[in-house]
Protein backbone atom coordinates (compact mmCIF):
# COMPACT_ATOMS: atom_id res chain seq x y z
CA MET A 1 -11.17 12.93 -6.02
CA ILE A 2 -9.70 10.85 -8.83
CA SER A 3 -11.15 8.89 -11.74
CA ILE A 4 -10.10 6.14 -14.09
CA ALA A 5 -8.87 8.83 -16.52
CA ASP A 6 -6.38 10.01 -13.88
CA VAL A 7 -5.15 6.46 -13.39
CA GLU A 8 -4.78 5.91 -17.13
CA ARG A 9 -2.72 9.11 -17.42
CA ALA A 10 -0.55 7.90 -14.54
CA ALA A 11 -0.01 4.57 -16.30
CA THR A 12 1.28 6.44 -19.35
CA ARG A 13 3.61 8.64 -17.29
CA ILE A 14 5.23 5.85 -15.27
CA ARG A 15 5.45 3.23 -18.02
CA GLY A 16 9.01 1.92 -18.12
CA ARG A 17 9.76 3.30 -14.63
CA VAL A 18 7.94 0.64 -12.60
CA ARG A 19 7.48 -3.10 -12.88
CA ARG A 20 4.32 -4.72 -14.18
CA THR A 21 4.20 -7.18 -11.31
CA PRO A 22 2.89 -10.70 -11.94
CA VAL A 23 -0.17 -12.37 -10.48
CA PHE A 24 -0.02 -15.82 -8.93
CA ALA A 25 -2.94 -18.26 -9.10
CA ALA A 26 -2.81 -19.52 -5.52
CA ASP A 27 -6.05 -21.50 -5.18
CA ASP A 28 -9.22 -21.95 -7.18
CA GLY A 29 -10.56 -18.46 -7.77
CA VAL A 30 -7.86 -16.74 -5.67
CA TRP A 31 -5.07 -14.67 -7.19
CA PHE A 32 -2.19 -12.88 -5.51
CA LYS A 33 -0.95 -9.64 -7.06
CA LEU A 34 2.77 -9.75 -6.23
CA GLU A 35 3.31 -6.06 -5.65
CA GLN A 36 5.94 -6.84 -3.04
CA LEU A 37 8.18 -7.42 -6.09
CA GLN A 38 7.87 -3.75 -7.07
CA HIS A 39 10.89 -1.44 -6.91
CA THR A 40 11.76 -0.74 -3.23
CA GLY A 41 9.51 -3.60 -2.15
CA SER A 42 6.08 -1.98 -2.28
CA PHE A 43 3.46 -0.50 -4.61
CA LYS A 44 4.39 3.02 -3.52
CA ALA A 45 7.00 3.51 -6.25
CA ARG A 46 4.08 3.96 -8.66
CA GLY A 47 2.64 6.96 -6.86
CA ALA A 48 6.04 8.50 -6.18
CA PHE A 49 7.01 8.44 -9.84
CA ASN A 50 3.66 9.83 -10.94
CA ARG A 51 3.88 12.68 -8.43
CA ILE A 52 7.42 13.63 -9.46
CA ILE A 53 6.92 13.32 -13.21
CA ALA A 54 3.61 15.21 -13.16
CA ALA A 55 5.26 18.05 -11.20
CA GLY A 56 7.82 18.71 -13.94
CA ASP A 57 10.15 21.61 -13.12
CA ALA A 58 8.51 22.04 -9.70
CA ALA A 59 10.52 19.03 -8.55
CA ALA A 60 13.88 20.55 -9.50
CA ALA A 61 14.51 21.77 -5.94
CA GLY A 62 14.21 18.20 -4.71
CA VAL A 63 11.48 16.27 -2.95
CA VAL A 64 10.53 15.73 0.67
CA ALA A 65 8.35 13.09 2.28
CA ALA A 66 7.19 11.90 5.69
CA SER A 67 7.05 8.16 6.04
CA GLY A 68 7.28 5.24 8.41
CA GLY A 69 9.23 3.50 5.68
CA ASN A 70 7.65 2.34 2.42
CA ALA A 71 6.51 5.72 1.06
CA GLY A 72 9.88 7.21 1.91
CA LEU A 73 11.68 4.37 0.16
CA ALA A 74 9.57 4.93 -2.94
CA VAL A 75 10.18 8.69 -2.97
CA ALA A 76 13.91 8.19 -2.41
CA TYR A 77 14.10 5.71 -5.27
CA ALA A 78 12.02 7.79 -7.68
CA ALA A 79 14.07 10.88 -6.83
CA ARG A 80 17.36 9.08 -7.39
CA GLU A 81 16.16 7.71 -10.72
CA SER A 82 14.99 11.21 -11.67
CA GLY A 83 18.29 12.82 -10.70
CA ILE A 84 16.95 14.99 -7.88
CA ALA A 85 17.59 15.15 -4.13
CA ALA A 86 15.30 13.59 -1.54
CA ARG A 87 14.83 14.26 2.17
CA VAL A 88 12.70 11.85 4.19
CA TYR A 89 11.38 12.46 7.71
CA VAL A 90 10.56 9.30 9.66
CA PRO A 91 9.40 8.67 13.23
CA ALA A 92 11.98 7.16 15.56
CA THR A 93 9.83 4.02 15.67
CA ALA A 94 10.42 3.25 11.98
CA PRO A 95 11.94 -0.22 11.38
CA ALA A 96 15.73 -0.14 11.17
CA VAL A 97 15.67 -2.17 7.95
CA LYS A 98 13.67 0.57 6.22
CA VAL A 99 15.79 3.43 7.56
CA ALA A 100 18.95 1.67 6.35
CA LYS A 101 17.45 1.24 2.89
CA LEU A 102 16.52 4.92 2.75
CA ARG A 103 20.13 5.89 3.30
CA THR A 104 21.32 3.32 0.76
CA LEU A 105 19.07 5.01 -1.82
CA GLY A 106 20.83 8.30 -1.17
CA ALA A 107 18.09 10.09 0.76
CA SER A 108 18.81 12.44 3.62
CA VAL A 109 17.01 10.87 6.59
CA GLU A 110 15.69 12.82 9.56
CA LEU A 111 14.32 10.97 12.62
CA VAL A 112 11.60 13.07 14.24
CA GLY A 113 9.22 12.21 17.10
CA GLU A 114 7.48 8.93 17.79
CA LYS A 115 4.53 9.08 15.38
CA TYR A 116 3.92 9.63 11.68
CA ALA A 117 2.21 12.93 12.54
CA ASP A 118 5.47 14.27 13.98
CA ALA A 119 7.40 13.38 10.83
CA TYR A 120 4.65 14.84 8.66
CA GLU A 121 4.74 18.21 10.41
CA ALA A 122 8.51 18.43 10.03
CA ALA A 123 8.40 17.43 6.36
CA ALA A 124 5.68 19.97 5.55
CA LYS A 125 7.71 22.73 7.23
CA HIS A 126 10.82 21.78 5.26
CA ALA A 127 8.83 21.86 2.00
CA ALA A 128 7.47 25.31 2.81
CA ASP A 129 10.89 26.65 3.80
CA SER A 130 12.94 25.13 0.97
CA GLY A 131 10.61 24.96 -2.00
CA ALA A 132 11.06 21.19 -2.24
CA LEU A 133 8.17 19.22 -3.71
CA PHE A 134 6.13 17.59 -0.95
CA CYS A 135 5.18 14.00 -1.69
CA HIS A 136 2.35 12.85 0.55
CA ALA A 137 2.36 9.21 1.59
CA TYR A 138 -1.24 8.65 0.50
CA ASP A 139 -3.45 11.74 0.11
CA GLN A 140 -2.45 13.49 -3.13
CA PRO A 141 -4.27 12.94 -6.44
CA GLU A 142 -1.08 12.06 -8.33
CA VAL A 143 0.00 9.61 -5.64
CA CYS A 144 -3.38 7.86 -5.52
CA ALA A 145 -3.61 7.72 -9.32
CA GLY A 146 -0.17 6.16 -9.52
CA GLN A 147 -1.11 3.47 -7.01
CA GLY A 148 -4.24 2.81 -9.05
CA THR A 149 -2.17 1.38 -11.90
CA VAL A 150 -2.11 -1.82 -9.81
CA GLY A 151 -5.84 -2.07 -10.52
CA LEU A 152 -5.46 -1.59 -14.27
CA GLU A 153 -2.92 -4.42 -14.37
CA LEU A 154 -5.15 -6.69 -12.30
CA LEU A 155 -8.09 -6.23 -14.66
CA ALA A 156 -5.96 -7.44 -17.54
CA GLN A 157 -4.19 -10.22 -15.64
CA ALA A 158 -6.89 -11.88 -13.54
CA GLU A 159 -10.31 -10.35 -14.38
CA PRO A 160 -11.28 -10.34 -10.69
CA ASP A 161 -14.75 -9.85 -9.31
CA THR A 162 -13.35 -8.57 -6.02
CA ILE A 163 -10.01 -7.07 -4.99
CA LEU A 164 -8.87 -7.19 -1.36
CA VAL A 165 -6.59 -4.28 -0.43
CA ALA A 166 -4.85 -3.42 2.84
CA VAL A 167 -5.70 0.07 4.10
CA GLY A 168 -3.64 2.52 6.11
CA GLY A 169 -4.12 6.04 4.78
CA GLY A 170 -5.99 4.62 1.81
CA GLY A 171 -3.94 5.69 -1.21
CA LEU A 172 -3.80 2.19 -2.67
CA LEU A 173 -7.51 1.59 -2.13
CA ALA A 174 -8.41 4.97 -3.63
CA GLY A 175 -6.37 4.35 -6.75
CA ILE A 176 -7.52 0.78 -7.32
CA ALA A 177 -11.17 1.58 -6.63
CA ALA A 178 -11.03 4.43 -9.16
CA ALA A 179 -9.27 2.23 -11.73
CA VAL A 180 -11.76 -0.65 -11.55
CA GLU A 181 -14.94 1.33 -10.88
CA GLY A 182 -17.89 -0.46 -12.46
CA ARG A 183 -15.79 -3.52 -13.30
CA ALA A 184 -14.78 -5.01 -9.95
CA ARG A 185 -15.56 -4.59 -6.27
CA VAL A 186 -12.89 -3.35 -3.85
CA VAL A 187 -12.82 -4.29 -0.17
CA GLY A 188 -10.43 -2.62 2.24
CA VAL A 189 -8.85 -4.81 4.91
CA GLU A 190 -7.70 -3.15 8.12
CA PRO A 191 -6.32 -4.21 11.48
CA HIS A 192 -8.73 -3.85 14.41
CA THR A 193 -5.97 -1.69 15.89
CA ALA A 194 -5.93 0.79 12.98
CA PRO A 195 -9.45 0.99 11.48
CA THR A 196 -9.20 4.27 9.58
CA LEU A 197 -11.61 3.45 6.74
CA HIS A 198 -13.94 1.38 8.90
CA ALA A 199 -14.32 4.24 11.39
CA ALA A 200 -14.81 6.82 8.64
CA LEU A 201 -17.53 4.81 6.93
CA ALA A 202 -19.32 4.39 10.26
CA ALA A 203 -19.04 8.11 11.07
CA GLY A 204 -19.82 9.35 7.57
CA GLU A 205 -16.55 11.28 7.42
CA PRO A 206 -12.84 10.77 8.11
CA VAL A 207 -12.17 10.63 11.85
CA PRO A 208 -8.98 10.11 13.88
CA VAL A 209 -8.32 6.68 15.36
CA GLU A 210 -5.77 5.26 17.76
CA VAL A 211 -3.15 3.17 15.97
CA SER A 212 -1.12 0.22 17.20
CA GLY A 213 -0.41 -3.40 16.29
CA VAL A 214 1.95 -5.51 14.21
CA ALA A 215 1.29 -3.64 10.94
CA ALA A 216 1.47 -0.11 12.34
CA ASP A 217 4.77 0.68 10.60
CA ALA A 218 3.04 0.39 7.21
CA LEU A 219 -0.65 0.86 8.06
CA GLY A 220 -0.04 3.50 10.71
CA ALA A 221 -2.04 6.48 9.47
CA SER A 222 -4.33 7.79 12.19
CA ARG A 223 -6.97 9.05 9.74
CA ILE A 224 -8.13 7.90 6.31
CA GLY A 225 -7.16 10.25 3.49
CA ASP A 226 -9.82 12.58 2.12
CA ILE A 227 -9.32 11.21 -1.38
CA ALA A 228 -9.66 7.61 -0.22
CA PHE A 229 -12.83 8.37 1.71
CA ALA A 230 -14.38 10.18 -1.25
CA VAL A 231 -13.53 7.38 -3.68
CA ALA A 232 -14.63 4.65 -1.28
CA THR A 233 -17.96 6.40 -0.76
CA ARG A 234 -18.47 6.97 -4.49
CA THR A 235 -17.59 3.42 -5.53
CA GLY A 236 -19.11 1.54 -2.60
CA ALA A 237 -15.81 0.08 -1.41
CA GLY A 238 -16.25 -1.77 1.86
CA SER A 239 -14.10 -2.52 4.88
CA VAL A 240 -13.47 -5.63 6.97
CA LEU A 241 -11.31 -5.95 10.06
CA VAL A 242 -8.67 -8.52 11.05
CA ASP A 243 -6.67 -8.94 14.24
CA ASP A 244 -2.92 -9.14 14.74
CA ALA A 245 -2.93 -12.91 15.17
CA GLN A 246 -4.68 -13.33 11.82
CA ILE A 247 -2.15 -11.03 10.15
CA GLU A 248 0.76 -12.98 11.60
CA GLN A 249 -0.89 -16.25 10.55
CA ALA A 250 -1.42 -14.97 6.99
CA ARG A 251 2.19 -13.85 6.78
CA ALA A 252 3.40 -17.23 8.01
CA VAL A 253 1.18 -19.13 5.56
CA LEU A 254 2.37 -17.01 2.65
CA TRP A 255 5.93 -17.96 3.53
CA ASP A 256 5.36 -21.60 4.47
CA ARG A 257 3.04 -22.54 1.62
CA TYR A 258 4.14 -20.26 -1.22
CA ARG A 259 7.57 -18.96 -0.16
CA LEU A 260 6.31 -15.39 -0.49
CA ALA A 261 8.06 -13.05 1.96
CA VAL A 262 5.91 -10.09 2.95
CA GLU A 263 5.75 -7.66 5.85
CA PRO A 264 2.72 -7.69 8.18
CA GLY A 265 1.03 -4.88 6.24
CA GLY A 266 1.62 -6.84 3.06
CA ALA A 267 -0.18 -9.87 4.49
CA THR A 268 -3.15 -7.98 5.90
CA ALA A 269 -5.40 -8.34 2.85
CA PHE A 270 -4.78 -12.10 2.75
CA ALA A 271 -5.63 -12.32 6.46
CA ALA A 272 -9.24 -11.40 5.61
CA LEU A 273 -9.51 -14.36 3.26
CA LEU A 274 -7.61 -16.83 5.39
CA GLY A 275 -9.35 -15.96 8.64
CA GLY A 276 -12.87 -15.61 7.25
CA ALA A 277 -13.42 -11.85 7.61
CA TYR A 278 -14.19 -11.95 3.89
CA ARG A 279 -15.90 -15.04 2.50
CA PRO A 280 -16.16 -15.26 -1.31
CA ALA A 281 -19.34 -16.43 -2.95
CA ALA A 282 -19.33 -19.59 -5.03
CA GLY A 283 -17.43 -18.95 -8.25
CA GLU A 284 -16.22 -15.51 -7.19
CA ARG A 285 -12.78 -14.53 -8.49
CA VAL A 286 -10.81 -12.77 -5.76
CA ALA A 287 -7.52 -10.91 -6.16
CA VAL A 288 -5.44 -10.23 -3.06
CA VAL A 289 -2.85 -7.45 -3.27
CA LEU A 290 0.36 -8.40 -1.44
CA CYS A 291 1.59 -4.86 -1.08
CA GLY A 292 4.92 -4.87 0.75
CA ALA A 293 8.06 -6.94 1.37
CA ASN A 294 10.20 -4.71 3.57
CA THR A 295 10.64 -7.02 6.50
CA ASP A 296 13.35 -8.82 8.44
CA PRO A 297 13.58 -12.34 6.91
CA ALA A 298 14.51 -13.70 10.33
CA THR A 299 10.97 -13.04 11.50
CA LEU A 300 9.39 -15.32 8.90
CA THR A 301 8.08 -18.46 10.58
CA SER A 302 5.90 -21.42 9.80
CA PRO A 303 2.27 -21.15 10.92
CA THR A 304 1.47 -22.40 14.40
CA ALA A 305 -1.85 -23.87 13.30
CA ALA A 306 -3.39 -25.10 10.08
CA PRO A 307 -5.31 -22.32 8.29
CA PRO A 308 -9.06 -22.78 7.92
CA ALA A 309 -10.45 -24.23 4.70
CA ALA A 310 -7.03 -24.66 3.11
CA ARG A 311 -7.06 -25.72 -0.53
CA THR A 312 -4.45 -27.23 -2.79
CA PRO A 313 -2.41 -24.48 -4.45
CA ARG A 314 -2.23 -24.34 -8.21
CA GLY A 315 0.88 -22.18 -8.18
CA ARG A 316 0.73 -20.52 -11.60
CA LEU A 317 2.17 -17.14 -12.58
CA ARG A 318 0.58 -14.85 -15.14
């Protein structure tokens, strides 16, 4: 469990290490938080730095992570900037663009199995055998608190009523929900093919789910994190589901209309707004977190159909 105090401490620790990403006023009452502009192309640098800095001397033996891509990139970057070694275990299905970036950042990369769970088991064993600091992709207090600094920035930048957040393992949702508790509502957005939070809320506890779909490389956890479930339950965070076609459409619209390049996981929260899974009330201020940009630019295309209820963009940064 984490609280706003944990997030505020994380903000102090990582200040100067991460970017305070801008928000973009896209349409009336809709703001994009451009976290795809963060170091290594996703919000995860925040949690990685907070985990490593908070560990102090315990990180001297290096760090190890299991990741389909973005968490590993963040750990590799934070380790390099902190002057320590990093080893990252990834499933063989991880996108080549992310694996190449891991190596560019100086991490030792190990391809293990076909699923995140395989990479996780290998990383945990290496941590136990070597004494390296294990950096979880989403279910450690320091990691969640670091991700929550996105929420603190949003409160100051856009004063949203509601924040839409993509959910895989739930670290970003946990951190943001803790950061804005009592001041804004948080809604998790998940693919129908990877409904970790949705299934947990229905069951009353975290449960395993089958994972597939276009965003599985980033939102591929098969179970919501314990911290995310506890925070979601405490704060009343909800969940809505979108399908792969809506995610692809959202990604295409972000590129075609705003020239914002994001990966499928990064477009998932916007898919809820664009496709109608989440419908704002009149006058409601909605912030959409665009959480990742690690994608092949060649796959960016114009939308095949006009999005519903499109409005004229205002296009203003803050």
